[in-house]
Amino acid sequence: MIAERIEALKAEMRARKVDMYIVPTSDFHESEYVGDYFKARKYLTGFTGSAGTAVVTESETGLWVDGRYFIQAEKQLGQSPVVLYRMGEEGVPTVKEYVEKNLPEGGCLGFDGRVVNAKAGEDYGKIAEGKQGTVFVDEDLMGIIWKERPELPKNPVFILEEKYAGESTKSKLKRLREKMAEKGADVHILTSLYDIAWLFNIRGGDIDHVPVALSFAAITQQESFWFIQGEALDGSLLEYCSANKITILPYGEIYSYAAKIPEYETVLLDKNIVNYRIFHSLGENVKVVSEANPTELMKAIKNGTELSNIRNAHVKDGVAFTKFMFWLKKNIGKMEITEISASDYLEARRKEQDLFVDLSFDTISAYGANAAMMHYTATPDSNAKLKPEGFLLVDSGGHYLDGSTDITRTIALGTLTEEEKFHFTTVCRSNLNLAAAKFLYGCRGLNLDILSRGPLWNLGLDYKCGTGHGIGYLLNVHEGPNGFRWKVVPERGDSCVLEEGMVTTDEPGVYLEGRYGIRTENELICKKAEKNEYGQFMEFEAVTYAPIDLDAILPEEMTATERNLLNNYHKMVYDKISPFLEEEEREWLKGYTREI
């Protein structure tokens, strides 16, 4: 089937004299996760991970994935004709390096200009130009061969009330226009679905577990234009838009709007997000200022209302997870539990909580060796039965009207080896050390990552991902521009200065292929500490409230300071969670948050 699809694409390429065709994992908005309509790379290659890029030539089809997906991709590609390229590994070319090497002289490079951002599109264009070649960008070849492609989603949009958002749309537009004026911008083209949802205080359902609506926006000093499928809006939304002076236009009109922007006006946009076709719809004499959307930093710095709500959401989420962990510990070995049934039980506990909206992502419930795949998803075929031995890794979260959560716990189901306990304890130490960081304002996640990664590096171990990412407020759980990472990865855009009010995850791990995976993840709010002659000091507040499994801890492998950190964290968990538990659950939690 995969071979047939690849051959069908090649036939369309030959008909148009296209020598190389790029199929990214992207929608028209550079979203991290995409709806079914946009899963062209999955359709073409059979790889189901959330990130990856396929490149097709007459002689080869390559798939580029990052370290999160090496094991998964290798398994899923199997005997297919797709060649796996492990990004970041020694000797492996980047996609652009591969294109530059393999595009023939005078050749034609193709991609759908709506699913490649302007910056990447320009880079590809320069490669083609350097080969005296051309680009083919105005036709979606995947759309031609994908005969049963799903429709574009247009799910209902709802208003996020100010008691949850903490700031009105009018106020946000005023702040945005001030930033536009500073940059001399007449028009701001905004295509990030997360930024539009934040700016207009709306949420939708066009991407699974990401409450956004497919749309574009253009903001001037006097007007706001929202390009969206009209079926997604009801009467209350139309009234809301009218009250906020937001003009509704059809989703696809963004291209003609961009083409009609008057000559010599200045347009503010981010070429790393705005798609290639929008950018190239602008007139030659339109001045472009390409910078990060001002809304990106605005929404990353949570206001007081959002932070208060987020703490409330985490108490509810912690109750749900603690009930799950209690049930799992009590029943393992006594009844049949699988990865999927465990995940279903946890989801049911979240759905019981007040103001629950949805899961914040597909739960990762991974037993034993499956947990070595960072983004494993249990399927009916892979669904492992849990035994009273080894680890179950559960990475999960919920969307609530009062915030989004992302928590990972690795749970001991029974007998563990000393090595498993040692690695679990090391991961716990890594998590606690970063959470306890005190640092001068001006630090970035880049400066602090070693606090988490250090204990693992000392063992000659590492994990092939960042240590943490920003969290959106009832939005995407991977939000920039804040994060923890040991090196700059430009396309991640997560290396900003850490500001008060930012929420970032702290999730070190150990992943041993074919054996087990361990991860412990909490969310941290960045706060101001004291200010003195040395400057403004900053610190973190952990807002994830669930026990770290003491059955897997080796206290003798922790320093006295680290034991105190764990004890203090567990005291906070008990104080926050115990009032909402049944008596038996409360007694269990008391044991699992005891001092060591």
Protein backbone atom coordinates (compact mmCIF):
# COMPACT_ATOMS: atom_id res chain seq x y z
CA MET A 1 0.00 0.00 0.00
CA ILE A 2 2.79 2.45 0.94
CA ALA A 3 4.75 1.51 -2.18
CA GLU A 4 1.64 2.11 -4.30
CA ARG A 5 1.09 5.55 -2.78
CA ILE A 6 4.70 6.52 -3.34
CA GLU A 7 4.50 5.35 -6.95
CA ALA A 8 1.27 7.35 -7.45
CA LEU A 9 3.04 10.49 -6.18
CA LYS A 10 6.01 9.83 -8.45
CA ALA A 11 3.64 9.53 -11.42
CA GLU A 12 2.22 12.98 -10.66
CA MET A 13 5.77 14.32 -10.28
CA ARG A 14 6.79 12.92 -13.66
CA ALA A 15 3.74 14.43 -15.32
CA ARG A 16 4.83 17.88 -14.08
CA LYS A 17 8.60 17.30 -14.49
CA VAL A 18 9.14 17.62 -10.70
CA ASP A 19 12.39 15.90 -9.68
CA MET A 20 11.99 16.07 -5.91
CA TYR A 21 8.90 16.57 -3.73
CA ILE A 22 8.84 17.46 -0.03
CA VAL A 23 5.98 16.32 2.23
CA PRO A 24 6.29 17.86 5.72
CA THR A 25 4.14 17.29 8.78
CA SER A 26 2.33 20.60 8.76
CA ASP A 27 -0.91 22.45 8.19
CA PHE A 28 -1.31 25.95 6.73
CA HIS A 29 -0.33 27.41 10.13
CA GLU A 30 2.89 25.59 11.08
CA SER A 31 1.03 23.89 13.95
CA GLU A 32 2.91 21.23 15.89
CA TYR A 33 0.00 18.79 15.75
CA VAL A 34 -2.34 18.70 12.78
CA GLY A 35 -5.84 17.54 11.95
CA ASP A 36 -6.54 14.47 9.84
CA TYR A 37 -6.84 16.52 6.64
CA PHE A 38 -3.18 17.50 6.93
CA LYS A 39 -1.66 14.09 7.75
CA ALA A 40 -0.24 13.68 4.27
CA ARG A 41 3.17 12.49 5.46
CA LYS A 42 1.51 9.77 7.55
CA TYR A 43 -0.60 8.71 4.54
CA LEU A 44 2.46 8.56 2.30
CA THR A 45 4.94 6.78 4.59
CA GLY A 46 2.88 4.91 7.20
CA PHE A 47 4.80 6.57 10.05
CA THR A 48 2.27 7.86 12.61
CA GLY A 49 4.48 10.08 14.79
CA SER A 50 3.57 13.73 15.18
CA ALA A 51 6.73 15.08 13.50
CA GLY A 52 8.76 14.13 10.45
CA THR A 53 9.47 15.11 6.85
CA ALA A 54 9.35 12.94 3.75
CA VAL A 55 11.37 13.68 0.59
CA VAL A 56 10.55 11.79 -2.60
CA THR A 57 12.81 11.44 -5.64
CA GLU A 58 12.62 9.01 -8.55
CA SER A 59 15.11 6.70 -6.85
CA GLU A 60 14.38 7.10 -3.12
CA THR A 61 11.80 8.11 -0.52
CA GLY A 62 13.41 9.34 2.71
CA LEU A 63 11.82 10.07 6.09
CA TRP A 64 13.51 12.40 8.59
CA VAL A 65 12.54 12.05 12.28
CA ASP A 66 14.11 13.35 15.48
CA GLY A 67 15.32 11.35 18.46
CA ARG A 68 11.88 11.03 20.03
CA TYR A 69 10.80 8.77 17.18
CA PHE A 70 13.83 6.70 16.16
CA ILE A 71 12.54 3.43 17.65
CA GLN A 72 8.93 4.00 16.61
CA ALA A 73 9.82 4.92 13.02
CA GLU A 74 12.12 1.94 12.60
CA LYS A 75 9.33 -0.39 13.71
CA GLN A 76 6.60 1.24 11.64
CA LEU A 77 8.60 1.50 8.43
CA GLY A 78 9.51 -2.18 8.63
CA GLN A 79 10.03 -3.57 5.14
CA SER A 80 8.55 -0.54 3.36
CA PRO A 81 10.56 1.26 0.65
CA VAL A 82 10.95 4.32 2.90
CA VAL A 83 14.52 5.03 4.06
CA LEU A 84 14.84 6.30 7.65
CA TYR A 85 17.09 9.31 8.33
CA ARG A 86 17.78 9.82 12.04
CA MET A 87 18.04 13.58 12.51
CA GLY A 88 20.99 14.82 14.54
CA GLU A 89 22.93 11.57 14.30
CA GLU A 90 26.53 11.68 13.08
CA GLY A 91 26.78 11.56 9.29
CA VAL A 92 23.04 12.03 8.72
CA PRO A 93 22.30 15.00 6.43
CA THR A 94 19.56 17.46 7.27
CA VAL A 95 16.61 17.67 4.90
CA LYS A 96 18.06 20.79 3.31
CA GLU A 97 21.50 19.23 2.94
CA TYR A 98 19.92 16.21 1.28
CA VAL A 99 17.91 18.41 -1.08
CA GLU A 100 20.98 20.40 -2.03
CA LYS A 101 23.03 17.28 -2.72
CA ASN A 102 20.39 15.31 -4.62
CA LEU A 103 18.42 17.92 -6.61
CA PRO A 104 19.85 17.61 -10.14
CA GLU A 105 21.24 20.58 -12.03
CA GLY A 106 18.34 22.40 -13.64
CA GLY A 107 15.96 20.28 -11.59
CA CYS A 108 12.54 21.13 -10.20
CA LEU A 109 11.84 21.04 -6.46
CA GLY A 110 8.21 20.75 -5.42
CA PHE A 111 6.14 21.26 -2.27
CA ASP A 112 2.72 22.64 -1.38
CA GLY A 113 3.43 26.30 -0.62
CA ARG A 114 0.70 26.36 2.02
CA VAL A 115 2.32 23.75 4.30
CA VAL A 116 5.90 25.06 4.20
CA ASN A 117 6.75 28.24 6.06
CA ALA A 118 8.16 31.25 4.24
CA LYS A 119 11.65 30.92 5.72
CA ALA A 120 12.02 27.26 4.77
CA GLY A 121 10.45 27.95 1.36
CA GLU A 122 12.99 30.69 0.69
CA ASP A 123 15.82 28.35 1.68
CA TYR A 124 14.54 25.68 -0.70
CA GLY A 125 14.16 28.32 -3.41
CA LYS A 126 17.78 29.36 -3.00
CA ILE A 127 18.91 25.75 -3.29
CA ALA A 128 16.95 25.36 -6.53
CA GLU A 129 18.29 28.68 -7.83
CA GLY A 130 21.83 27.58 -7.05
CA LYS A 131 21.23 24.56 -9.26
CA GLN A 132 19.74 26.73 -12.03
CA GLY A 133 16.50 24.96 -11.22
CA THR A 134 12.92 25.93 -10.35
CA VAL A 135 10.35 25.40 -7.59
CA PHE A 136 6.85 24.01 -8.03
CA VAL A 137 4.65 25.25 -5.18
CA ASP A 138 1.15 26.08 -6.41
CA GLU A 139 -0.31 22.58 -6.58
CA ASP A 140 -0.86 20.02 -3.81
CA LEU A 141 0.20 16.72 -5.34
CA MET A 142 -0.67 14.79 -2.18
CA GLY A 143 -4.22 16.10 -2.52
CA ILE A 144 -4.39 14.52 -5.97
CA ILE A 145 -3.31 11.01 -4.96
CA TRP A 146 -5.16 10.97 -1.59
CA LYS A 147 -8.57 10.00 -2.93
CA GLU A 148 -10.37 9.61 0.41
CA ARG A 149 -8.82 12.61 2.13
CA PRO A 150 -10.85 13.88 5.14
CA GLU A 151 -12.50 17.28 4.89
CA LEU A 152 -11.08 20.42 6.46
CA PRO A 153 -12.39 20.56 10.04
CA LYS A 154 -14.75 23.38 11.04
CA ASN A 155 -15.78 22.56 14.58
CA PRO A 156 -17.69 25.02 16.79
CA VAL A 157 -15.79 27.89 18.36
CA PHE A 158 -16.48 29.09 21.90
CA ILE A 159 -15.57 32.22 23.87
CA LEU A 160 -13.12 31.89 26.76
CA GLU A 161 -14.63 34.13 29.41
CA GLU A 162 -12.49 36.80 31.02
CA LYS A 163 -12.73 35.09 34.43
CA TYR A 164 -10.56 32.38 32.85
CA ALA A 165 -8.49 34.43 30.38
CA GLY A 166 -7.75 37.23 32.84
CA GLU A 167 -7.66 39.92 30.13
CA SER A 168 -10.14 41.17 27.55
CA THR A 169 -9.65 40.92 23.81
CA LYS A 170 -9.80 44.72 23.58
CA SER A 171 -6.91 45.00 26.03
CA LYS A 172 -4.88 42.40 24.16
CA LEU A 173 -5.49 44.16 20.81
CA LYS A 174 -4.42 47.46 22.36
CA ARG A 175 -1.17 45.94 23.60
CA LEU A 176 -0.54 44.30 20.24
CA ARG A 177 -1.10 47.55 18.35
CA GLU A 178 1.37 49.30 20.63
CA LYS A 179 3.99 46.68 19.68
CA MET A 180 3.09 47.14 16.00
CA ALA A 181 3.59 50.90 16.31
CA GLU A 182 7.01 50.36 17.89
CA LYS A 183 8.01 48.36 14.81
CA GLY A 184 6.40 50.76 12.35
CA ALA A 185 3.97 48.08 11.14
CA ASP A 186 0.76 49.01 9.30
CA VAL A 187 -0.49 45.42 9.18
CA HIS A 188 0.26 42.35 11.27
CA ILE A 189 -0.46 39.01 9.61
CA LEU A 190 -1.02 36.37 12.25
CA THR A 191 -1.30 32.71 11.25
CA SER A 192 -0.41 30.83 14.47
CA LEU A 193 -3.62 29.17 15.63
CA TYR A 194 -2.50 29.42 19.25
CA ASP A 195 -1.80 33.15 19.03
CA ILE A 196 -5.13 33.85 17.33
CA ALA A 197 -7.01 31.86 19.98
CA TRP A 198 -5.21 33.77 22.74
CA LEU A 199 -5.67 37.19 21.11
CA PHE A 200 -9.40 36.82 20.45
CA ASN A 201 -10.11 34.83 23.66
CA ILE A 202 -11.68 32.00 21.71
CA ARG A 203 -11.11 28.26 21.62
CA GLY A 204 -12.14 25.62 19.10
CA GLY A 205 -11.74 21.96 18.25
CA ASP A 206 -10.08 21.64 14.86
CA ILE A 207 -7.04 19.67 16.09
CA ASP A 208 -7.41 16.69 18.40
CA HIS A 209 -6.66 17.79 21.97
CA VAL A 210 -5.58 21.26 20.83
CA PRO A 211 -8.56 23.62 21.28
CA VAL A 212 -7.96 25.93 18.31
CA ALA A 213 -9.92 26.96 15.21
CA LEU A 214 -8.45 26.91 11.70
CA SER A 215 -8.15 30.60 10.87
CA PHE A 216 -5.89 33.50 9.94
CA ALA A 217 -5.91 37.04 11.28
CA ALA A 218 -4.76 40.45 10.04
CA ILE A 219 -4.55 43.37 12.44
CA THR A 220 -4.21 47.03 11.50
CA GLN A 221 -4.22 50.05 13.81
CA GLN A 222 -7.96 50.47 13.22
CA GLU A 223 -9.31 47.07 12.16
CA SER A 224 -9.11 43.34 12.91
CA PHE A 225 -9.86 40.73 10.25
CA TRP A 226 -10.51 37.09 11.10
CA PHE A 227 -10.40 34.62 8.21
CA ILE A 228 -12.37 31.55 9.31
CA GLN A 229 -14.88 29.03 8.02
CA GLY A 230 -18.23 30.61 8.84
CA GLU A 231 -19.82 27.30 9.85
CA ALA A 232 -17.69 27.32 13.01
CA LEU A 233 -19.35 30.48 14.36
CA ASP A 234 -22.78 30.80 15.96
CA GLY A 235 -24.78 33.94 16.67
CA SER A 236 -23.09 34.63 20.01
CA LEU A 237 -19.68 34.52 18.33
CA LEU A 238 -20.81 36.92 15.62
CA GLU A 239 -22.09 39.33 18.28
CA TYR A 240 -18.84 38.94 20.21
CA CYS A 241 -16.77 39.72 17.09
CA SER A 242 -18.93 42.75 16.33
CA ALA A 243 -18.51 44.07 19.88
CA ASN A 244 -14.72 43.69 19.54
CA LYS A 245 -14.65 45.21 16.02
CA ILE A 246 -13.45 41.97 14.43
CA THR A 247 -14.51 41.57 10.79
CA ILE A 248 -15.24 38.00 9.67
CA LEU A 249 -13.95 36.92 6.22
CA PRO A 250 -13.80 33.48 4.50
CA TYR A 251 -10.86 31.28 5.51
CA GLY A 252 -9.26 31.16 2.05
CA GLU A 253 -9.38 34.92 1.46
CA ILE A 254 -6.16 35.52 3.38
CA TYR A 255 -4.21 35.10 0.12
CA SER A 256 -6.18 37.72 -1.81
CA TYR A 257 -6.08 40.01 1.26
CA ALA A 258 -2.28 39.75 1.37
CA ALA A 259 -2.08 40.49 -2.36
CA LYS A 260 -4.14 43.69 -1.91
CA ILE A 261 -2.04 45.23 0.86
CA PRO A 262 -1.03 48.63 -0.59
CA GLU A 263 2.49 49.23 -1.86
CA TYR A 264 5.02 50.62 0.61
CA GLU A 265 3.00 49.58 3.66
CA THR A 266 4.92 47.68 6.34
CA VAL A 267 3.76 44.18 7.27
CA LEU A 268 4.81 42.50 10.50
CA LEU A 269 4.89 38.71 10.32
CA ASP A 270 6.99 35.73 11.33
CA LYS A 271 8.46 33.97 8.29
CA ASN A 272 9.03 30.89 10.46
CA ILE A 273 5.24 30.51 10.81
CA VAL A 274 3.50 32.34 7.94
CA ASN A 275 3.23 29.98 5.01
CA TYR A 276 5.20 30.43 1.79
CA ARG A 277 2.13 31.17 -0.34
CA ILE A 278 0.86 33.98 1.91
CA PHE A 279 4.31 35.55 2.00
CA HIS A 280 4.63 35.41 -1.78
CA SER A 281 1.17 36.87 -2.24
CA LEU A 282 2.51 40.19 -0.91
CA GLY A 283 3.38 42.85 -3.48
CA GLU A 284 7.03 43.44 -4.36
CA ASN A 285 7.02 46.90 -2.80
CA VAL A 286 5.46 45.87 0.51
CA LYS A 287 8.03 46.14 3.29
CA VAL A 288 8.20 43.07 5.54
CA VAL A 289 9.41 43.02 9.13
CA SER A 290 9.92 39.36 10.02
CA GLU A 291 10.04 38.85 13.78
CA ALA A 292 8.41 36.60 16.35
CA ASN A 293 4.74 37.44 16.79
CA PRO A 294 4.44 39.82 19.78
CA THR A 295 1.55 37.66 20.99
CA GLU A 296 3.90 34.69 21.48
CA LEU A 297 5.67 36.29 24.45
CA MET A 298 2.48 37.93 25.71
CA LYS A 299 0.63 34.63 26.04
CA ALA A 300 3.66 32.82 27.49
CA ILE A 301 3.72 35.22 30.45
CA LYS A 302 0.60 34.15 32.31
CA ASN A 303 -1.34 36.85 34.16
CA GLY A 304 -2.40 36.60 37.80
CA THR A 305 -5.82 35.22 36.98
CA GLU A 306 -4.37 32.55 34.72
CA LEU A 307 -1.78 31.52 37.33
CA SER A 308 -4.41 31.24 40.05
CA ASN A 309 -6.59 29.18 37.74
CA ILE A 310 -3.65 26.98 36.71
CA ARG A 311 -2.96 26.09 40.34
CA ASN A 312 -6.62 25.13 40.77
CA ALA A 313 -6.52 22.99 37.62
CA HIS A 314 -3.46 21.15 38.89
CA VAL A 315 -5.12 20.29 42.19
CA LYS A 316 -8.00 18.66 40.29
CA ASP A 317 -5.61 16.95 37.91
CA GLY A 318 -3.51 15.73 40.82
CA VAL A 319 -6.60 14.26 42.47
CA ALA A 320 -7.44 12.41 39.25
CA PHE A 321 -3.90 11.06 38.86
CA THR A 322 -3.57 10.08 42.52
CA LYS A 323 -6.85 8.14 42.37
CA PHE A 324 -5.50 6.38 39.29
CA MET A 325 -2.18 5.54 40.91
CA PHE A 326 -3.97 4.22 44.04
CA TRP A 327 -6.22 2.01 41.88
CA LEU A 328 -3.30 0.71 39.85
CA LYS A 329 -1.16 -0.13 42.87
CA LYS A 330 -4.11 -1.84 44.58
CA ASN A 331 -5.21 -3.97 41.62
CA ILE A 332 -2.04 -4.89 39.72
CA GLY A 333 -1.76 -8.67 39.62
CA LYS A 334 -5.32 -9.12 40.89
CA MET A 335 -7.19 -8.22 37.71
CA GLU A 336 -6.29 -7.90 34.05
CA ILE A 337 -4.99 -4.40 33.34
CA THR A 338 -3.51 -3.35 30.02
CA GLU A 339 -1.86 -0.18 28.80
CA ILE A 340 -5.14 0.92 27.24
CA SER A 341 -7.43 -0.01 30.12
CA ALA A 342 -5.09 1.82 32.53
CA SER A 343 -5.18 4.88 30.27
CA ASP A 344 -8.98 4.66 30.07
CA TYR A 345 -9.28 4.54 33.86
CA LEU A 346 -7.14 7.67 34.22
CA GLU A 347 -9.18 9.47 31.56
CA ALA A 348 -12.39 8.63 33.42
CA ARG A 349 -10.99 10.14 36.63
CA ARG A 350 -10.10 13.36 34.77
CA LYS A 351 -13.56 13.59 33.23
CA GLU A 352 -15.02 13.62 36.76
CA GLN A 353 -13.26 16.89 37.54
CA ASP A 354 -14.99 20.28 37.45
CA LEU A 355 -14.47 22.40 34.28
CA PHE A 356 -12.89 19.49 32.37
CA VAL A 357 -12.80 20.12 28.60
CA ASP A 358 -10.62 17.40 27.04
CA LEU A 359 -7.37 15.50 27.38
CA SER A 360 -4.47 17.81 26.59
CA PHE A 361 -2.88 15.12 24.38
CA ASP A 362 -3.20 11.41 23.70
CA THR A 363 -2.12 9.62 26.86
CA ILE A 364 1.16 7.74 26.68
CA SER A 365 0.65 4.56 28.69
CA ALA A 366 3.76 2.48 28.12
CA TYR A 367 4.76 -0.71 29.91
CA GLY A 368 8.27 -2.12 30.05
CA ALA A 369 10.21 -1.83 26.80
CA ASN A 370 7.41 0.20 25.17
CA ALA A 371 8.34 3.11 27.46
CA ALA A 372 11.74 3.36 25.77
CA MET A 373 9.82 4.96 22.87
CA MET A 374 9.30 8.51 24.10
CA HIS A 375 6.08 9.08 22.15
CA TYR A 376 4.70 5.54 22.18
CA THR A 377 0.96 5.15 21.66
CA ALA A 378 -0.70 1.90 22.67
CA THR A 379 -2.77 0.29 19.92
CA PRO A 380 -4.91 -2.87 19.99
CA ASP A 381 -1.95 -4.67 18.40
CA SER A 382 0.70 -3.40 20.83
CA ASN A 383 -1.50 -3.19 23.96
CA ALA A 384 0.68 -4.84 26.63
CA LYS A 385 -0.79 -6.60 29.66
CA LEU A 386 0.61 -5.18 32.88
CA LYS A 387 2.38 -7.57 35.25
CA PRO A 388 3.33 -7.05 38.92
CA GLU A 389 6.89 -6.25 37.90
CA GLY A 390 8.74 -3.47 36.12
CA PHE A 391 7.56 0.03 35.26
CA LEU A 392 4.51 1.63 33.68
CA LEU A 393 5.27 5.10 32.30
CA VAL A 394 2.21 7.37 32.03
CA ASP A 395 2.53 10.77 30.34
CA SER A 396 -0.84 12.48 30.36
CA GLY A 397 -2.73 15.70 30.94
CA GLY A 398 -6.03 17.51 30.84
CA HIS A 399 -7.52 20.69 29.47
CA TYR A 400 -9.76 22.53 31.92
CA LEU A 401 -11.35 25.93 31.56
CA ASP A 402 -8.92 26.95 34.28
CA GLY A 403 -5.77 25.64 32.62
CA SER A 404 -3.91 22.78 30.94
CA THR A 405 -1.78 20.11 32.58
CA ASP A 406 1.05 17.80 31.53
CA ILE A 407 2.34 15.24 34.01
CA THR A 408 4.49 12.13 33.69
CA ARG A 409 4.93 9.51 36.37
CA THR A 410 6.72 6.20 36.14
CA ILE A 411 5.06 3.70 38.44
CA ALA A 412 6.63 0.58 39.94
CA LEU A 413 4.19 -2.29 39.41
CA GLY A 414 6.13 -4.76 41.54
CA THR A 415 9.62 -6.22 41.57
CA LEU A 416 12.35 -3.94 40.22
CA THR A 417 16.04 -4.51 39.59
CA GLU A 418 18.60 -2.43 41.44
CA GLU A 419 19.51 -0.82 38.12
CA GLU A 420 15.89 0.21 37.51
CA LYS A 421 15.71 1.75 40.98
CA PHE A 422 19.04 3.50 40.51
CA HIS A 423 17.97 5.03 37.19
CA PHE A 424 14.58 6.01 38.63
CA THR A 425 16.29 7.70 41.58
CA THR A 426 18.69 9.51 39.26
CA VAL A 427 15.80 10.84 37.16
CA CYS A 428 14.06 11.98 40.36
CA ARG A 429 17.22 13.79 41.45
CA SER A 430 17.48 15.46 38.05
CA ASN A 431 13.89 16.69 38.28
CA LEU A 432 14.29 18.01 41.83
CA ASN A 433 17.59 19.78 41.11
CA LEU A 434 16.11 21.82 38.27
CA ALA A 435 12.94 22.64 40.21
CA ALA A 436 15.09 23.97 43.08
CA ALA A 437 17.10 26.31 40.83
CA LYS A 438 17.71 29.87 41.97
CA PHE A 439 19.13 32.11 39.28
CA LEU A 440 19.62 35.69 38.20
CA TYR A 441 17.12 37.26 35.85
CA GLY A 442 18.39 37.02 32.30
CA CYS A 443 18.99 33.27 32.39
CA ARG A 444 17.50 31.12 29.69
CA GLY A 445 16.58 27.46 29.82
CA LEU A 446 19.91 26.90 28.10
CA ASN A 447 21.70 28.05 31.28
CA LEU A 448 19.73 25.78 33.61
CA ASP A 449 19.39 22.54 31.64
CA ILE A 450 22.61 21.12 33.11
CA LEU A 451 21.01 21.04 36.56
CA SER A 452 18.63 18.38 35.28
CA ARG A 453 20.83 16.63 32.74
CA GLY A 454 23.96 16.66 34.92
CA PRO A 455 23.23 13.60 37.10
CA LEU A 456 22.52 11.57 33.96
CA TRP A 457 25.52 12.88 32.04
CA ASN A 458 27.66 11.83 34.99
CA LEU A 459 26.53 8.27 34.23
CA GLY A 460 27.19 8.62 30.50
CA LEU A 461 23.43 8.74 29.83
CA ASP A 462 21.30 11.27 27.97
CA TYR A 463 17.80 11.73 26.56
CA LYS A 464 17.28 12.80 22.96
CA CYS A 465 14.93 15.71 23.60
CA GLY A 466 14.69 18.92 25.56
CA THR A 467 14.25 18.82 29.32
CA GLY A 468 11.10 20.94 29.25
CA HIS A 469 8.70 23.07 27.23
CA GLY A 470 6.28 25.90 27.82
CA ILE A 471 2.62 25.12 28.50
CA GLY A 472 -0.31 26.99 26.98
CA TYR A 473 -3.43 28.03 28.88
CA LEU A 474 -6.17 25.78 27.49
CA LEU A 475 -4.05 25.67 24.33
CA ASN A 476 -1.10 23.65 23.05
CA VAL A 477 0.92 21.81 25.68
CA HIS A 478 4.14 22.58 23.77
CA GLU A 479 4.27 26.38 23.83
CA GLY A 480 7.21 28.69 23.07
CA PRO A 481 9.29 30.68 23.53
CA ASN A 482 10.40 29.20 26.88
CA GLY A 483 11.96 25.81 27.43
CA PHE A 484 14.87 23.88 28.90
CA ARG A 485 17.42 22.52 26.42
CA TRP A 486 21.19 22.02 26.50
CA LYS A 487 21.76 23.50 23.04
CA VAL A 488 19.97 25.94 20.78
CA VAL A 489 17.70 24.24 18.25
CA PRO A 490 16.60 27.17 16.06
CA GLU A 491 13.41 25.57 14.75
CA ARG A 492 12.21 24.93 18.32
CA GLY A 493 12.26 28.62 19.26
CA ASP A 494 12.41 27.82 22.98
CA SER A 495 15.51 29.67 24.16
CA CYS A 496 14.10 32.97 25.45
CA VAL A 497 14.90 34.67 28.76
CA LEU A 498 12.78 33.12 31.51
CA GLU A 499 10.18 35.63 32.68
CA GLU A 500 7.99 35.74 35.77
CA GLY A 501 4.70 34.02 34.95
CA MET A 502 6.07 31.53 32.43
CA VAL A 503 5.12 27.88 32.98
CA THR A 504 7.64 25.26 31.85
CA THR A 505 7.83 21.50 32.26
CA ASP A 506 10.70 19.71 33.99
CA GLU A 507 10.93 16.17 32.56
CA PRO A 508 14.28 14.35 32.51
CA GLY A 509 14.33 10.67 31.65
CA VAL A 510 16.20 7.44 30.90
CA TYR A 511 15.29 5.41 27.80
CA LEU A 512 16.98 2.06 27.21
CA GLU A 513 15.82 0.48 23.95
CA GLY A 514 14.25 -2.94 24.39
CA ARG A 515 14.31 -2.65 28.19
CA TYR A 516 12.46 0.24 29.87
CA GLY A 517 11.83 3.97 29.98
CA ILE A 518 11.62 6.32 32.96
CA ARG A 519 10.39 9.92 33.04
CA THR A 520 9.30 12.21 35.87
CA GLU A 521 7.59 15.44 34.81
CA ASN A 522 6.33 18.42 36.80
CA GLU A 523 5.29 21.89 35.68
CA LEU A 524 7.15 24.90 37.10
CA ILE A 525 5.97 28.52 37.39
CA CYS A 526 8.80 31.04 37.10
CA LYS A 527 8.67 33.61 39.94
CA LYS A 528 10.69 36.49 41.28
CA ALA A 529 12.76 35.82 44.39
CA GLU A 530 14.72 38.50 46.24
CA LYS A 531 16.35 41.49 44.59
CA ASN A 532 19.65 42.76 45.95
CA GLU A 533 22.94 44.31 44.88
CA TYR A 534 23.60 41.35 42.57
CA GLY A 535 20.35 41.76 40.68
CA GLN A 536 16.90 40.20 40.52
CA PHE A 537 16.93 36.55 41.54
CA MET A 538 14.35 34.12 40.14
CA GLU A 539 13.03 30.75 41.28
CA PHE A 540 10.42 28.11 40.41
CA GLU A 541 7.20 26.94 42.01
CA ALA A 542 6.21 23.34 41.25
CA VAL A 543 2.48 23.17 40.49
CA THR A 544 2.12 19.47 39.64
CA TYR A 545 0.67 17.64 42.63
CA ALA A 546 1.10 13.85 42.49
CA PRO A 547 3.39 11.42 44.32
CA ILE A 548 6.71 10.30 42.88
CA ASP A 549 6.76 6.54 43.46
CA LEU A 550 8.78 5.85 46.61
CA ASP A 551 8.75 2.12 45.82
CA ALA A 552 11.41 2.88 43.20
CA ILE A 553 13.55 5.31 45.24
CA LEU A 554 16.96 4.45 46.70
CA PRO A 555 17.35 7.09 49.45
CA GLU A 556 21.03 6.24 49.89
CA GLU A 557 21.68 7.45 46.33
CA MET A 558 20.33 10.92 47.18
CA THR A 559 22.07 13.72 49.05
CA ALA A 560 20.51 15.06 52.24
CA THR A 561 19.47 18.16 50.28
CA GLU A 562 17.78 16.06 47.60
CA ARG A 563 15.93 13.97 50.20
CA ASN A 564 14.67 17.18 51.80
CA LEU A 565 13.52 18.47 48.41
CA LEU A 566 11.56 15.26 47.81
CA ASN A 567 10.12 15.27 51.32
CA ASN A 568 9.03 18.90 51.01
CA TYR A 569 7.50 18.23 47.61
CA HIS A 570 5.57 15.24 48.95
CA LYS A 571 4.31 17.21 51.95
CA MET A 572 2.93 19.81 49.55
CA VAL A 573 1.30 17.07 47.45
CA TYR A 574 -0.40 15.58 50.51
CA ASP A 575 -1.60 18.96 51.75
CA LYS A 576 -3.04 19.88 48.34
CA ILE A 577 -4.59 16.56 47.38
CA SER A 578 -5.68 14.74 50.54
CA PRO A 579 -8.78 16.86 51.29
CA PHE A 580 -10.36 15.63 48.04
CA LEU A 581 -9.73 11.89 48.50
CA GLU A 582 -11.71 9.06 50.08
CA GLU A 583 -10.40 7.82 53.42
CA GLU A 584 -8.68 4.73 51.99
CA GLU A 585 -7.06 6.81 49.25
CA ARG A 586 -5.95 9.39 51.80
CA GLU A 587 -4.26 6.78 53.98
CA TRP A 588 -2.56 5.34 50.92
CA LEU A 589 -1.32 8.80 49.89
CA LYS A 590 0.05 9.39 53.38
CA GLY A 591 2.28 6.34 52.90
CA TYR A 592 3.37 7.36 49.42
CA THR A 593 4.28 10.89 50.52
CA ARG A 594 6.06 9.84 53.73
CA GLU A 595 9.42 11.31 54.62
CA ILE A 596 12.46 9.34 53.55
